[in-house]
Protein backbone atom coordinates (compact mmCIF):
# COMPACT_ATOMS: atom_id res chain seq x y z
CA UNK A 1 131.11 31.12 84.73
CA UNK A 2 130.85 34.89 85.09
CA UNK A 3 133.63 36.55 87.02
CA UNK A 4 134.62 40.10 87.84
CA UNK A 5 137.92 40.19 89.69
CA UNK A 6 139.15 43.44 91.19
CA UNK A 7 142.73 44.20 92.11
CA UNK A 8 144.88 47.14 93.09
CA UNK A 9 143.42 48.14 96.42
CA UNK A 10 145.57 48.88 99.42
CA UNK A 11 146.74 51.38 101.97
CA UNK A 12 147.78 54.86 100.86
CA UNK A 13 148.45 58.20 102.49
CA UNK A 14 146.26 61.23 101.84
CA UNK A 15 147.21 62.85 98.56
CA UNK A 16 148.44 59.57 97.16
CA UNK A 17 147.29 57.54 94.19
CA UNK A 18 146.02 54.05 93.45
CA UNK A 19 144.90 52.28 90.32
CA UNK A 20 142.15 49.70 90.56
CA UNK A 21 141.61 47.12 87.86
CA UNK A 22 138.76 44.75 87.17
CA UNK A 23 138.99 41.78 84.83
CA UNK A 24 135.79 40.33 83.42
CA UNK A 25 135.23 36.84 82.05
CA UNK A 26 132.36 34.55 81.19
CA UNK A 27 130.28 37.23 79.47
CA UNK A 28 130.49 39.56 76.46
CA UNK A 29 132.38 42.33 78.18
CA UNK A 30 132.12 44.83 75.33
CA UNK A 31 128.32 44.87 75.54
CA UNK A 32 128.23 45.88 79.17
CA UNK A 33 128.43 49.31 80.75
CA UNK A 34 131.02 49.16 83.50
CA UNK A 35 131.01 51.00 86.79
CA UNK A 36 132.89 51.31 90.05
CA UNK A 37 130.91 51.57 93.25
CA UNK A 38 132.16 51.94 96.79
CA UNK A 39 130.82 51.25 100.23
CA UNK A 40 132.24 52.74 103.38
CA UNK A 41 131.49 51.29 106.82
CA UNK A 42 127.91 51.96 107.89
CA UNK A 43 127.14 53.73 104.63
CA UNK A 44 125.19 52.73 101.56
CA UNK A 45 126.94 51.62 98.40
CA UNK A 46 127.39 54.55 96.04
CA UNK A 47 128.26 54.95 92.38
CA UNK A 48 131.75 56.34 91.86
CA UNK A 49 132.22 56.23 88.10
CA UNK A 50 130.64 54.70 85.01
CA UNK A 51 131.81 54.11 81.46
CA UNK A 52 129.59 53.07 78.59
CA UNK A 53 130.10 49.83 76.69
CA UNK A 54 132.15 51.37 73.88
CA UNK A 55 133.95 53.73 76.22
CA UNK A 56 132.48 56.78 74.53
CA UNK A 57 130.98 58.33 77.65
CA UNK A 58 131.83 58.51 81.32
CA UNK A 59 130.11 59.80 84.42
CA UNK A 60 131.46 60.53 87.90
CA UNK A 61 130.18 61.21 91.35
CA UNK A 62 130.68 64.85 92.28
CA UNK A 63 132.95 63.83 95.14
CA UNK A 64 135.54 62.31 92.79
CA UNK A 65 135.32 64.54 89.71
CA UNK A 66 138.73 65.78 88.67
CA UNK A 67 140.50 63.19 90.84
CA UNK A 68 139.35 59.81 89.49
CA UNK A 69 139.41 58.53 85.92
CA UNK A 70 137.62 55.45 84.64
CA UNK A 71 138.79 53.68 81.49
CA UNK A 72 138.30 50.34 79.78
CA UNK A 73 140.03 48.05 77.34
CA UNK A 74 137.50 45.86 75.58
CA UNK A 75 140.25 43.86 73.90
CA UNK A 76 141.51 42.81 77.33
CA UNK A 77 138.12 42.74 79.08
CA UNK A 78 139.30 45.13 81.73
CA UNK A 79 138.11 48.32 83.36
CA UNK A 80 140.30 50.53 85.50
CA UNK A 81 139.88 53.34 87.98
CA UNK A 82 142.78 55.74 88.38
CA UNK A 83 142.47 57.49 91.73
CA UNK A 84 144.56 60.56 92.48
CA UNK A 85 144.65 63.06 95.33
CA UNK A 86 143.08 60.49 97.61
CA UNK A 87 141.33 61.63 100.75
CA UNK A 88 140.48 59.76 103.96
CA UNK A 89 136.83 59.91 102.93
CA UNK A 90 137.66 57.80 99.89
CA UNK A 91 138.24 54.87 102.24
CA UNK A 92 135.84 52.11 101.29
CA UNK A 93 135.47 48.74 99.64
CA UNK A 94 135.40 49.34 95.90
CA UNK A 95 133.27 47.11 93.71
CA UNK A 96 133.33 46.53 89.98
CA UNK A 97 129.93 46.32 88.30
CA UNK A 98 128.84 45.24 84.83
CA UNK A 99 125.34 45.98 83.53
CA UNK A 100 123.58 45.23 80.26
CA UNK A 101 120.20 46.75 79.43
CA UNK A 102 118.49 44.33 77.08
CA UNK A 103 114.98 42.95 77.27
CA UNK A 104 116.05 42.16 80.80
CA UNK A 105 118.68 43.99 82.73
CA UNK A 106 121.66 41.82 83.58
CA UNK A 107 124.12 42.86 86.28
CA UNK A 108 127.25 41.32 87.72
CA UNK A 109 129.37 42.32 90.72
CA UNK A 110 132.92 41.69 91.77
CA UNK A 111 133.92 40.70 95.27
CA UNK A 112 135.36 44.10 96.13
CA UNK A 113 138.77 45.47 96.99
CA UNK A 114 139.62 47.53 100.07
CA UNK A 115 141.02 51.04 99.69
CA UNK A 116 142.22 52.70 102.87
CA UNK A 117 143.46 56.28 102.90
CA UNK A 118 145.17 57.19 106.13
CA UNK A 119 148.27 58.87 107.47
């Protein structure tokens, strides 16, 4: 059974920090590129950060560059998102995503974790 389980969301004041984690199971984690997406109320889901399967390359949305850092530990089947200097506009449900581009593209999603940035 494939699972992606996010944790670490919560309520934080502007300028604060949070660390999100996502634990994968039921699939070969090290073969999958991992990403964090977010969806704010009444907005479309957007890509926040991506890390390649071996962790050799990362990519970030312009809105989070310099503030967020994605990392992974293939030995522990986890991917993390370190979020610093949080802003109210970072408020959203954050989703973990795993994708493998083989003959067919395979994608899995977590259930999401709420991040709320407010004073």
